Amino acid sequence: MSDTVFDTSVRTEKPSHKGNKAHLPSKPCAVCGRPMSWRRAWAKNWDEVQYCSDACRRKRAAHD
């Protein structure tokens, strides 16, 4: 067996964007006003996303 010891407490490079959600775009829900953060599932249609949940989408449809 090897006696090599790795010190994981010292990082030489800054971590990349992976996991850093602070800089993702957001916008308010059209019904409740709750802020929605960008999700990978919405990447192709982020401009068309209006509602934070199915419940808000149903509420909006009921009012129209």
PDB file of N, CA and C in Angstrom:
ATOM      1  N   MET A   1       0.820  -1.177   0.000  1.00  0.00           N
ATOM      2  CA  MET A   1       0.000   0.000   0.000  1.00  0.00           C
ATOM      3  C   MET A   1       0.868   1.246   0.000  1.00  0.00           C
ATOM      4  N   SER A   2       0.375   2.290  -0.576  1.00  0.00           N
ATOM      5  CA  SER A   2       1.128   3.530  -0.667  1.00  0.00           C
ATOM      6  C   SER A   2       0.935   4.357   0.597  1.00  0.00           C
ATOM      7  N   ASP A   3       1.991   5.062   0.992  1.00  0.00           N
ATOM      8  CA  ASP A   3       1.926   5.931   2.169  1.00  0.00           C
ATOM      9  C   ASP A   3       1.694   7.384   1.772  1.00  0.00           C
ATOM     10  N   THR A   4       1.208   7.625   0.579  1.00  0.00           N
ATOM     11  CA  THR A   4       0.979   8.977   0.104  1.00  0.00           C
ATOM     12  C   THR A   4      -0.205   9.587   0.847  1.00  0.00           C
ATOM     13  N   VAL A   5      -0.014  10.817   1.318  1.00  0.00           N
ATOM     14  CA  VAL A   5      -1.058  11.534   2.046  1.00  0.00           C
ATOM     15  C   VAL A   5      -1.440  12.762   1.228  1.00  0.00           C
ATOM     16  N   PHE A   6      -2.724  12.939   1.008  1.00  0.00           N
ATOM     17  CA  PHE A   6      -3.206  14.087   0.267  1.00  0.00           C
ATOM     18  C   PHE A   6      -3.830  15.072   1.233  1.00  0.00           C
ATOM     19  N   ASP A   7      -3.389  16.318   1.154  1.00  0.00           N
ATOM     20  CA  ASP A   7      -3.942  17.366   2.004  1.00  0.00           C
ATOM     21  C   ASP A   7      -5.072  18.042   1.238  1.00  0.00           C
ATOM     22  N   THR A   8      -6.308  17.739   1.590  1.00  0.00           N
ATOM     23  CA  THR A   8      -7.459  18.297   0.884  1.00  0.00           C
ATOM     24  C   THR A   8      -7.879  19.650   1.436  1.00  0.00           C
ATOM     25  N   SER A   9      -7.249  20.128   2.499  1.00  0.00           N
ATOM     26  CA  SER A   9      -7.627  21.407   3.085  1.00  0.00           C
ATOM     27  C   SER A   9      -7.035  22.585   2.323  1.00  0.00           C
ATOM     28  N   VAL A  10      -6.041  22.350   1.492  1.00  0.00           N
ATOM     29  CA  VAL A  10      -5.397  23.420   0.743  1.00  0.00           C
ATOM     30  C   VAL A  10      -5.751  23.273  -0.726  1.00  0.00           C
ATOM     31  N   ARG A  11      -6.365  24.322  -1.276  1.00  0.00           N
ATOM     32  CA  ARG A  11      -6.728  24.303  -2.694  1.00  0.00           C
ATOM     33  C   ARG A  11      -5.816  25.261  -3.439  1.00  0.00           C
ATOM     34  N   THR A  12      -5.319  24.824  -4.546  1.00  0.00           N
ATOM     35  CA  THR A  12      -4.451  25.676  -5.341  1.00  0.00           C
ATOM     36  C   THR A  12      -5.227  26.458  -6.386  1.00  0.00           C
ATOM     37  N   GLU A  13      -6.383  25.961  -6.802  1.00  0.00           N
ATOM     38  CA  GLU A  13      -7.194  26.632  -7.806  1.00  0.00           C
ATOM     39  C   GLU A  13      -8.564  26.948  -7.232  1.00  0.00           C
ATOM     40  N   LYS A  14      -9.132  28.041  -7.719  1.00  0.00           N
ATOM     41  CA  LYS A  14     -10.480  28.409  -7.329  1.00  0.00           C
ATOM     42  C   LYS A  14     -11.466  27.483  -8.034  1.00  0.00           C
ATOM     43  N   PRO A  15     -12.512  27.033  -7.359  1.00  0.00           N
ATOM     44  CA  PRO A  15     -13.477  26.160  -8.036  1.00  0.00           C
ATOM     45  C   PRO A  15     -14.172  26.904  -9.170  1.00  0.00           C
ATOM     46  N   SER A  16     -14.552  26.181 -10.190  1.00  0.00           N
ATOM     47  CA  SER A  16     -15.225  26.789 -11.334  1.00  0.00           C
ATOM     48  C   SER A  16     -16.668  27.132 -10.973  1.00  0.00           C
ATOM     49  N   HIS A  17     -17.450  27.449 -11.972  1.00  0.00           N
ATOM     50  CA  HIS A  17     -18.843  27.861 -11.767  1.00  0.00           C
ATOM     51  C   HIS A  17     -19.707  26.746 -11.193  1.00  0.00           C
ATOM     52  N   LYS A  18     -19.281  25.531 -11.290  1.00  0.00           N
ATOM     53  CA  LYS A  18     -20.094  24.393 -10.854  1.00  0.00           C
ATOM     54  C   LYS A  18     -20.581  24.577  -9.416  1.00  0.00           C
ATOM     55  N   GLY A  19     -21.882  24.607  -9.227  1.00  0.00           N
ATOM     56  CA  GLY A  19     -22.462  24.732  -7.907  1.00  0.00           C
ATOM     57  C   GLY A  19     -22.640  26.163  -7.434  1.00  0.00           C
ATOM     58  N   ASN A  20     -22.118  27.140  -8.166  1.00  0.00           N
ATOM     59  CA  ASN A  20     -22.235  28.534  -7.761  1.00  0.00           C
ATOM     60  C   ASN A  20     -23.513  29.116  -8.349  1.00  0.00           C
ATOM     61  N   LYS A  21     -24.571  29.123  -7.567  1.00  0.00           N
ATOM     62  CA  LYS A  21     -25.870  29.552  -8.069  1.00  0.00           C
ATOM     63  C   LYS A  21     -26.162  31.025  -7.790  1.00  0.00           C
ATOM     64  N   ALA A  22     -25.231  31.739  -7.214  1.00  0.00           N
ATOM     65  CA  ALA A  22     -25.457  33.134  -6.858  1.00  0.00           C
ATOM     66  C   ALA A  22     -25.580  34.036  -8.080  1.00  0.00           C
ATOM     67  N   HIS A  23     -24.996  33.653  -9.200  1.00  0.00           N
ATOM     68  CA  HIS A  23     -24.976  34.523 -10.366  1.00  0.00           C
ATOM     69  C   HIS A  23     -25.948  34.097 -11.460  1.00  0.00           C
ATOM     70  N   LEU A  24     -26.877  33.224 -11.156  1.00  0.00           N
ATOM     71  CA  LEU A  24     -27.862  32.802 -12.145  1.00  0.00           C
ATOM     72  C   LEU A  24     -28.933  33.879 -12.290  1.00  0.00           C
ATOM     73  N   PRO A  25     -29.491  34.056 -13.492  1.00  0.00           N
ATOM     74  CA  PRO A  25     -30.549  35.051 -13.662  1.00  0.00           C
ATOM     75  C   PRO A  25     -31.828  34.633 -12.941  1.00  0.00           C
ATOM     76  N   SER A  26     -32.627  35.616 -12.584  1.00  0.00           N
ATOM     77  CA  SER A  26     -33.914  35.333 -11.952  1.00  0.00           C
ATOM     78  C   SER A  26     -34.934  36.355 -12.440  1.00  0.00           C
ATOM     79  N   LYS A  27     -36.207  36.017 -12.240  1.00  0.00           N
ATOM     80  CA  LYS A  27     -37.287  36.932 -12.581  1.00  0.00           C
ATOM     81  C   LYS A  27     -38.498  36.566 -11.740  1.00  0.00           C
ATOM     82  N   PRO A  28     -39.436  37.504 -11.545  1.00  0.00           N
ATOM     83  CA  PRO A  28     -40.593  37.225 -10.685  1.00  0.00           C
ATOM     84  C   PRO A  28     -41.669  36.415 -11.403  1.00  0.00           C
ATOM     85  N   CYS A  29     -42.390  35.621 -10.630  1.00  0.00           N
ATOM     86  CA  CYS A  29     -43.534  34.866 -11.137  1.00  0.00           C
ATOM     87  C   CYS A  29     -44.640  35.858 -11.502  1.00  0.00           C
ATOM     88  N   ALA A  30     -45.339  35.623 -12.606  1.00  0.00           N
ATOM     89  CA  ALA A  30     -46.395  36.522 -13.071  1.00  0.00           C
ATOM     90  C   ALA A  30     -47.612  36.520 -12.157  1.00  0.00           C
ATOM     91  N   VAL A  31     -47.796  35.486 -11.336  1.00  0.00           N
ATOM     92  CA  VAL A  31     -48.971  35.383 -10.475  1.00  0.00           C
ATOM     93  C   VAL A  31     -48.660  35.816  -9.046  1.00  0.00           C
ATOM     94  N   CYS A  32     -47.674  35.174  -8.435  1.00  0.00           N
ATOM     95  CA  CYS A  32     -47.409  35.420  -7.011  1.00  0.00           C
ATOM     96  C   CYS A  32     -46.246  36.375  -6.758  1.00  0.00           C
ATOM     97  N   GLY A  33     -45.440  36.650  -7.771  1.00  0.00           N
ATOM     98  CA  GLY A  33     -44.326  37.570  -7.612  1.00  0.00           C
ATOM     99  C   GLY A  33     -43.087  36.966  -6.970  1.00  0.00           C
ATOM    100  N   ARG A  34     -43.142  35.692  -6.657  1.00  0.00           N
ATOM    101  CA  ARG A  34     -42.001  34.996  -6.049  1.00  0.00           C
ATOM    102  C   ARG A  34     -40.849  34.932  -7.054  1.00  0.00           C
ATOM    103  N   PRO A  35     -39.617  35.198  -6.627  1.00  0.00           N
ATOM    104  CA  PRO A  35     -38.501  35.139  -7.582  1.00  0.00           C
ATOM    105  C   PRO A  35     -38.223  33.712  -8.050  1.00  0.00           C
ATOM    106  N   MET A  36     -38.008  33.558  -9.357  1.00  0.00           N
ATOM    107  CA  MET A  36     -37.678  32.257  -9.943  1.00  0.00           C
ATOM    108  C   MET A  36     -36.243  32.321 -10.421  1.00  0.00           C
ATOM    109  N   SER A  37     -35.438  31.365 -10.017  1.00  0.00           N
ATOM    110  CA  SER A  37     -34.059  31.284 -10.483  1.00  0.00           C
ATOM    111  C   SER A  37     -33.995  30.415 -11.726  1.00  0.00           C
ATOM    112  N   TRP A  38     -33.056  30.732 -12.582  1.00  0.00           N
ATOM    113  CA  TRP A  38     -32.852  29.980 -13.818  1.00  0.00           C
ATOM    114  C   TRP A  38     -32.566  28.531 -13.510  1.00  0.00           C
ATOM    115  N   ARG A  39     -33.160  27.641 -14.289  1.00  0.00           N
ATOM    116  CA  ARG A  39     -32.921  26.197 -14.162  1.00  0.00           C
ATOM    117  C   ARG A  39     -32.477  25.655 -15.509  1.00  0.00           C
ATOM    118  N   ARG A  40     -31.687  24.602 -15.473  1.00  0.00           N
ATOM    119  CA  ARG A  40     -31.211  24.001 -16.722  1.00  0.00           C
ATOM    120  C   ARG A  40     -32.392  23.541 -17.587  1.00  0.00           C
ATOM    121  N   ALA A  41     -33.457  23.063 -16.960  1.00  0.00           N
ATOM    122  CA  ALA A  41     -34.627  22.600 -17.714  1.00  0.00           C
ATOM    123  C   ALA A  41     -35.277  23.744 -18.494  1.00  0.00           C
ATOM    124  N   TRP A  42     -35.086  24.986 -18.038  1.00  0.00           N
ATOM    125  CA  TRP A  42     -35.664  26.147 -18.699  1.00  0.00           C
ATOM    126  C   TRP A  42     -34.681  26.815 -19.654  1.00  0.00           C
ATOM    127  N   ALA A  43     -33.546  26.234 -19.900  1.00  0.00           N
ATOM    128  CA  ALA A  43     -32.493  26.874 -20.695  1.00  0.00           C
ATOM    129  C   ALA A  43     -32.974  27.256 -22.094  1.00  0.00           C
ATOM    130  N   LYS A  44     -33.752  26.394 -22.733  1.00  0.00           N
ATOM    131  CA  LYS A  44     -34.178  26.655 -24.109  1.00  0.00           C
ATOM    132  C   LYS A  44     -35.329  27.644 -24.201  1.00  0.00           C
ATOM    133  N   ASN A  45     -36.103  27.803 -23.129  1.00  0.00           N
ATOM    134  CA  ASN A  45     -37.264  28.692 -23.197  1.00  0.00           C
ATOM    135  C   ASN A  45     -37.367  29.640 -21.997  1.00  0.00           C
ATOM    136  N   TRP A  46     -36.247  30.091 -21.468  1.00  0.00           N
ATOM    137  CA  TRP A  46     -36.237  30.965 -20.288  1.00  0.00           C
ATOM    138  C   TRP A  46     -37.045  32.234 -20.537  1.00  0.00           C
ATOM    139  N   ASP A  47     -37.025  32.764 -21.761  1.00  0.00           N
ATOM    140  CA  ASP A  47     -37.766  33.989 -22.058  1.00  0.00           C
ATOM    141  C   ASP A  47     -39.280  33.786 -21.979  1.00  0.00           C
ATOM    142  N   GLU A  48     -39.756  32.564 -22.210  1.00  0.00           N
ATOM    143  CA  GLU A  48     -41.190  32.284 -22.167  1.00  0.00           C
ATOM    144  C   GLU A  48     -41.683  31.837 -20.794  1.00  0.00           C
ATOM    145  N   VAL A  49     -40.789  31.505 -19.885  1.00  0.00           N
ATOM    146  CA  VAL A  49     -41.185  31.037 -18.552  1.00  0.00           C
ATOM    147  C   VAL A  49     -41.824  32.202 -17.798  1.00  0.00           C
ATOM    148  N   GLN A  50     -43.047  31.991 -17.295  1.00  0.00           N
ATOM    149  CA  GLN A  50     -43.772  33.046 -16.593  1.00  0.00           C
ATOM    150  C   GLN A  50     -44.162  32.665 -15.172  1.00  0.00           C
ATOM    151  N   TYR A  51     -44.319  31.373 -14.911  1.00  0.00           N
ATOM    152  CA  TYR A  51     -44.875  30.932 -13.638  1.00  0.00           C
ATOM    153  C   TYR A  51     -43.878  30.087 -12.864  1.00  0.00           C
ATOM    154  N   CYS A  52     -43.901  30.207 -11.547  1.00  0.00           N
ATOM    155  CA  CYS A  52     -42.950  29.475 -10.705  1.00  0.00           C
ATOM    156  C   CYS A  52     -43.376  28.035 -10.471  1.00  0.00           C
ATOM    157  N   SER A  53     -44.652  27.732 -10.685  1.00  0.00           N
ATOM    158  CA  SER A  53     -45.139  26.378 -10.406  1.00  0.00           C
ATOM    159  C   SER A  53     -46.382  26.081 -11.239  1.00  0.00           C
ATOM    160  N   ASP A  54     -46.764  24.825 -11.255  1.00  0.00           N
ATOM    161  CA  ASP A  54     -48.006  24.439 -11.932  1.00  0.00           C
ATOM    162  C   ASP A  54     -49.206  25.075 -11.246  1.00  0.00           C
ATOM    163  N   ALA A  55     -49.139  25.228  -9.934  1.00  0.00           N
ATOM    164  CA  ALA A  55     -50.246  25.838  -9.189  1.00  0.00           C
ATOM    165  C   ALA A  55     -50.467  27.283  -9.642  1.00  0.00           C
ATOM    166  N   CYS A  56     -49.396  28.046  -9.815  1.00  0.00           N
ATOM    167  CA  CYS A  56     -49.532  29.425 -10.283  1.00  0.00           C
ATOM    168  C   CYS A  56     -50.044  29.465 -11.722  1.00  0.00           C
ATOM    169  N   ARG A  57     -49.609  28.532 -12.539  1.00  0.00           N
ATOM    170  CA  ARG A  57     -50.086  28.473 -13.922  1.00  0.00           C
ATOM    171  C   ARG A  57     -51.586  28.202 -13.950  1.00  0.00           C
ATOM    172  N   ARG A  58     -52.077  27.314 -13.085  1.00  0.00           N
ATOM    173  CA  ARG A  58     -53.515  27.023 -13.017  1.00  0.00           C
ATOM    174  C   ARG A  58     -54.292  28.221 -12.477  1.00  0.00           C
ATOM    175  N   LYS A  59     -53.743  28.911 -11.491  1.00  0.00           N
ATOM    176  CA  LYS A  59     -54.419  30.100 -10.951  1.00  0.00           C
ATOM    177  C   LYS A  59     -54.576  31.161 -12.026  1.00  0.00           C
ATOM    178  N   ARG A  60     -53.533  31.369 -12.816  1.00  0.00           N
ATOM    179  CA  ARG A  60     -53.579  32.365 -13.878  1.00  0.00           C
ATOM    180  C   ARG A  60     -54.621  31.983 -14.925  1.00  0.00           C
ATOM    181  N   ALA A  61     -54.690  30.706 -15.275  1.00  0.00           N
ATOM    182  CA  ALA A  61     -55.658  30.238 -16.264  1.00  0.00           C
ATOM    183  C   ALA A  61     -57.085  30.396 -15.740  1.00  0.00           C
ATOM    184  N   ALA A  62     -57.287  30.231 -14.451  1.00  0.00           N
ATOM    185  CA  ALA A  62     -58.618  30.358 -13.856  1.00  0.00           C
ATOM    186  C   ALA A  62     -59.092  31.812 -13.858  1.00  0.00           C
ATOM    187  N   HIS A  63     -58.157  32.761 -13.776  1.00  0.00           N
ATOM    188  CA  HIS A  63     -58.516  34.181 -13.754  1.00  0.00           C
ATOM    189  C   HIS A  63     -58.764  34.745 -15.143  1.00  0.00           C
ATOM    190  N   ASP A  64     -58.252  34.091 -16.174  1.00  0.00           N
ATOM    191  CA  ASP A  64     -58.409  34.608 -17.544  1.00  0.00           C
ATOM    192  C   ASP A  64     -59.724  34.226 -18.154  1.00  0.00           C
TER     193      ASP A  64
END
